[in-house]
């Protein structure tokens, strides 16, 4: 009788521990999904500001249509990648594609800023200045949200990979996910604007 009770206690402890691991994995997955939702909000704001900036600059940059087209195309690609990643932020491939698309948008914006430097009337335009300031502020918010997301992804991936957690995560398909990273060193630098 005593051995049976001890055996039942051991089984109960093991079951409770496995339930704890499963629940912790669910909690961590929800945390990084929430972190991505914060990035999603800021990226949406960034993507919404860009068409206004391009439209406001069109009159000044009539000879620079290629630059404006490049910015809008990069923006549209980033919006598509953002929507795709938002459908499943646990898919590391989609997160990496989003990072690549955002890198291309950052490069296109940097090129736009460089071209805009050659147009004093554009630099003096109050609407352009306000849009650039809002875009810069949004870039900072994206950076903070990305940092928080990457931290939660790291905690999730670490917990998921530890033993015996890796057994439970494998049984219940808790897949690894990727951090949202910038791929190129020049994309890591904030665009310089001197309006």
Protein backbone atom coordinates (compact mmCIF):
# COMPACT_ATOMS: atom_id res chain seq x y z
CA UNK A 1 0.00 0.00 0.00
CA UNK A 2 2.82 2.46 0.89
CA UNK A 3 4.63 1.78 -2.38
CA UNK A 4 1.46 2.43 -4.34
CA UNK A 5 0.94 5.81 -2.65
CA UNK A 6 4.56 6.80 -3.30
CA UNK A 7 4.20 5.68 -6.93
CA UNK A 8 1.03 7.74 -7.35
CA UNK A 9 2.72 10.78 -5.80
CA UNK A 10 5.68 10.43 -8.17
CA UNK A 11 3.33 10.10 -11.17
CA UNK A 12 1.33 13.14 -10.00
CA UNK A 13 4.52 15.21 -9.60
CA UNK A 14 5.70 14.22 -13.09
CA UNK A 15 2.30 15.02 -14.61
CA UNK A 16 2.14 18.39 -12.85
CA UNK A 17 5.67 19.20 -14.02
CA UNK A 18 4.79 18.33 -17.62
CA UNK A 19 1.66 20.50 -17.39
CA UNK A 20 3.82 23.32 -16.00
CA UNK A 21 6.22 23.03 -18.96
CA UNK A 22 3.36 23.04 -21.46
CA UNK A 23 1.69 26.05 -19.83
CA UNK A 24 4.99 27.94 -19.66
CA UNK A 25 5.57 27.30 -23.38
CA UNK A 26 2.08 28.62 -24.16
CA UNK A 27 2.71 31.69 -22.00
CA UNK A 28 6.07 32.44 -23.63
CA UNK A 29 4.65 31.94 -27.13
CA UNK A 30 1.84 34.37 -26.33
CA UNK A 31 4.36 36.88 -25.00
CA UNK A 32 6.38 36.94 -28.20
CA UNK A 33 3.19 37.10 -30.27
CA UNK A 34 2.15 40.11 -28.22
CA UNK A 35 5.62 41.58 -28.77
CA UNK A 36 5.14 41.16 -32.50
CA UNK A 37 1.73 42.84 -32.27
CA UNK A 38 3.50 45.89 -30.81
CA UNK A 39 5.94 45.92 -33.74
CA UNK A 40 3.02 45.47 -36.13
CA UNK A 41 1.32 48.62 -34.81
CA UNK A 42 4.48 50.70 -35.19
CA UNK A 43 5.27 49.33 -38.65
CA UNK A 44 1.73 50.13 -39.75
CA UNK A 45 2.23 53.71 -38.57
CA UNK A 46 5.55 53.88 -40.43
CA UNK A 47 4.02 52.48 -43.60
CA UNK A 48 1.08 54.91 -43.38
CA UNK A 49 3.38 57.94 -43.07
CA UNK A 50 5.50 57.13 -46.13
CA UNK A 51 2.84 57.72 -48.83
CA UNK A 52 2.10 61.13 -47.28
CA UNK A 53 5.79 61.97 -47.34
CA UNK A 54 6.19 60.87 -50.96
CA UNK A 55 3.04 62.71 -52.06
CA UNK A 56 4.18 65.90 -50.33
CA UNK A 57 7.62 65.64 -51.93
CA UNK A 58 6.37 64.98 -55.50
CA UNK A 59 6.07 68.66 -56.40
CA UNK A 60 9.65 69.33 -55.34
CA UNK A 61 11.22 66.17 -56.72
CA UNK A 62 9.71 66.12 -60.19
CA UNK A 63 13.08 65.06 -61.64
CA UNK A 64 13.49 62.33 -59.03
CA UNK A 65 10.50 60.11 -59.84
CA UNK A 66 12.72 57.04 -59.74
CA UNK A 67 13.60 57.72 -56.10
CA UNK A 68 9.95 58.21 -55.15
CA UNK A 69 8.94 55.05 -57.01
CA UNK A 70 11.68 53.10 -55.25
CA UNK A 71 10.44 54.28 -51.84
CA UNK A 72 6.84 53.35 -52.61
CA UNK A 73 7.79 49.95 -54.03
CA UNK A 74 9.92 49.17 -50.96
CA UNK A 75 7.08 50.36 -48.74
CA UNK A 76 4.56 48.11 -50.52
CA UNK A 77 6.90 45.11 -50.22
CA UNK A 78 7.34 45.85 -46.51
CA UNK A 79 3.55 46.09 -46.03
CA UNK A 80 3.10 42.70 -47.73
CA UNK A 81 5.83 41.12 -45.58
CA UNK A 82 4.31 42.69 -42.46
CA UNK A 83 0.87 41.26 -43.22
CA UNK A 84 2.36 37.85 -43.93
CA UNK A 85 4.35 37.84 -40.68
CA UNK A 86 1.35 39.08 -38.70
CA UNK A 87 -0.60 35.98 -39.77
CA UNK A 88 1.96 33.74 -38.03
CA UNK A 89 4.64 35.52 -35.98
CA UNK A 90 5.90 32.11 -34.87
CA UNK A 91 7.10 31.40 -38.43
CA UNK A 92 10.78 32.35 -38.37
CA UNK A 93 10.98 32.49 -42.17
CA UNK A 94 8.25 35.11 -42.33
CA UNK A 95 9.96 37.17 -39.63
CA UNK A 96 13.24 37.03 -41.58
CA UNK A 97 11.46 38.11 -44.79
CA UNK A 98 9.93 41.01 -42.88
CA UNK A 99 13.39 42.04 -41.66
CA UNK A 100 14.69 41.95 -45.24
CA UNK A 101 11.77 44.00 -46.55
CA UNK A 102 12.20 46.56 -43.78
CA UNK A 103 15.92 46.76 -44.60
CA UNK A 104 15.07 47.57 -48.21
CA UNK A 105 12.61 50.23 -47.09
CA UNK A 106 15.18 51.79 -44.77
CA UNK A 107 17.68 51.91 -47.66
CA UNK A 108 15.09 53.48 -49.99
CA UNK A 109 14.27 56.10 -47.36
CA UNK A 110 17.96 56.84 -46.82
CA UNK A 111 18.29 57.39 -50.57
CA UNK A 112 15.24 59.67 -50.49
CA UNK A 113 16.75 61.69 -47.64
CA UNK A 114 20.04 62.01 -49.55
CA UNK A 115 18.22 63.28 -52.65
CA UNK A 116 16.08 65.64 -50.58
CA UNK A 117 19.25 67.31 -49.28
CA UNK A 118 19.73 68.80 -52.76
CA UNK A 119 16.36 70.60 -52.70
CA UNK A 120 16.35 73.58 -50.30
CA UNK A 121 12.64 74.30 -50.90
CA UNK A 122 11.78 70.74 -49.95
CA UNK A 123 13.89 70.94 -46.82
CA UNK A 124 12.10 74.17 -45.84
CA UNK A 125 8.59 72.77 -46.33
CA UNK A 126 6.79 72.58 -42.99
CA UNK A 127 4.67 69.56 -43.95
CA UNK A 128 7.76 67.63 -45.05
CA UNK A 129 9.56 68.54 -41.85
CA UNK A 130 6.63 67.37 -39.74
CA UNK A 131 6.32 64.09 -41.65
CA UNK A 132 10.06 63.45 -41.35
CA UNK A 133 9.91 64.11 -37.62
CA UNK A 134 6.95 61.72 -37.18
CA UNK A 135 8.74 59.11 -39.26
CA UNK A 136 11.88 59.46 -37.17
CA UNK A 137 9.85 59.13 -33.97
CA UNK A 138 8.15 56.04 -35.37
CA UNK A 139 11.52 54.53 -36.28
CA UNK A 140 12.50 54.83 -32.61
CA UNK A 141 9.28 53.14 -31.52
CA UNK A 142 9.86 50.32 -34.00
CA UNK A 143 13.35 49.88 -32.60
CA UNK A 144 12.11 49.63 -29.00
CA UNK A 145 9.28 47.26 -29.96
CA UNK A 146 11.71 45.10 -31.95
CA UNK A 147 14.07 44.91 -28.99
CA UNK A 148 11.25 43.78 -26.68
CA UNK A 149 10.09 41.22 -29.26
CA UNK A 150 13.60 39.84 -29.72
CA UNK A 151 14.00 39.50 -25.95
CA UNK A 152 10.78 37.49 -25.64
CA UNK A 153 11.72 35.32 -28.62
CA UNK A 154 15.07 34.55 -27.00
CA UNK A 155 13.41 33.55 -23.71
CA UNK A 156 10.88 31.38 -25.56
CA UNK A 157 13.50 29.67 -27.74
CA UNK A 158 15.79 29.05 -24.74
CA UNK A 159 13.02 27.56 -22.61
CA UNK A 160 11.79 25.49 -25.56
CA UNK A 161 15.24 24.01 -26.17
CA UNK A 162 16.06 23.08 -22.55
CA UNK A 163 15.69 19.50 -21.35
CA UNK A 164 13.05 18.13 -20.66
CA UNK A 165 11.15 21.08 -22.15
CA UNK A 166 12.39 20.12 -25.62
CA UNK A 167 10.51 16.82 -25.38
CA UNK A 168 7.23 18.54 -24.55
CA UNK A 169 7.80 21.28 -27.15
CA UNK A 170 8.44 18.61 -29.78
CA UNK A 171 5.36 16.61 -28.81
CA UNK A 172 3.10 19.67 -29.03
CA UNK A 173 4.77 21.36 -32.03
CA UNK A 174 6.19 24.41 -30.29
CA UNK A 175 8.47 25.45 -33.14
CA UNK A 176 11.45 27.78 -32.83
CA UNK A 177 10.95 31.28 -34.12
CA UNK A 178 13.34 33.95 -35.36
CA UNK A 179 14.24 37.33 -34.03
CA UNK A 180 13.51 40.37 -36.17
CA UNK A 181 16.95 41.56 -37.18
CA UNK A 182 18.43 44.02 -39.60
CA UNK A 183 20.75 42.27 -42.01
CA UNK A 184 23.08 45.02 -43.15
CA UNK A 185 25.25 47.34 -41.03
CA UNK A 186 24.16 50.41 -43.03
CA UNK A 187 20.51 49.58 -42.30
CA UNK A 188 21.31 49.54 -38.58
CA UNK A 189 22.20 53.22 -38.73
CA UNK A 190 19.38 55.68 -38.34
CA UNK A 191 18.89 57.81 -41.44
CA UNK A 192 20.46 61.23 -41.08
CA UNK A 193 18.17 64.10 -41.89
CA UNK A 194 19.07 67.74 -41.46
CA UNK A 195 16.04 69.79 -42.29
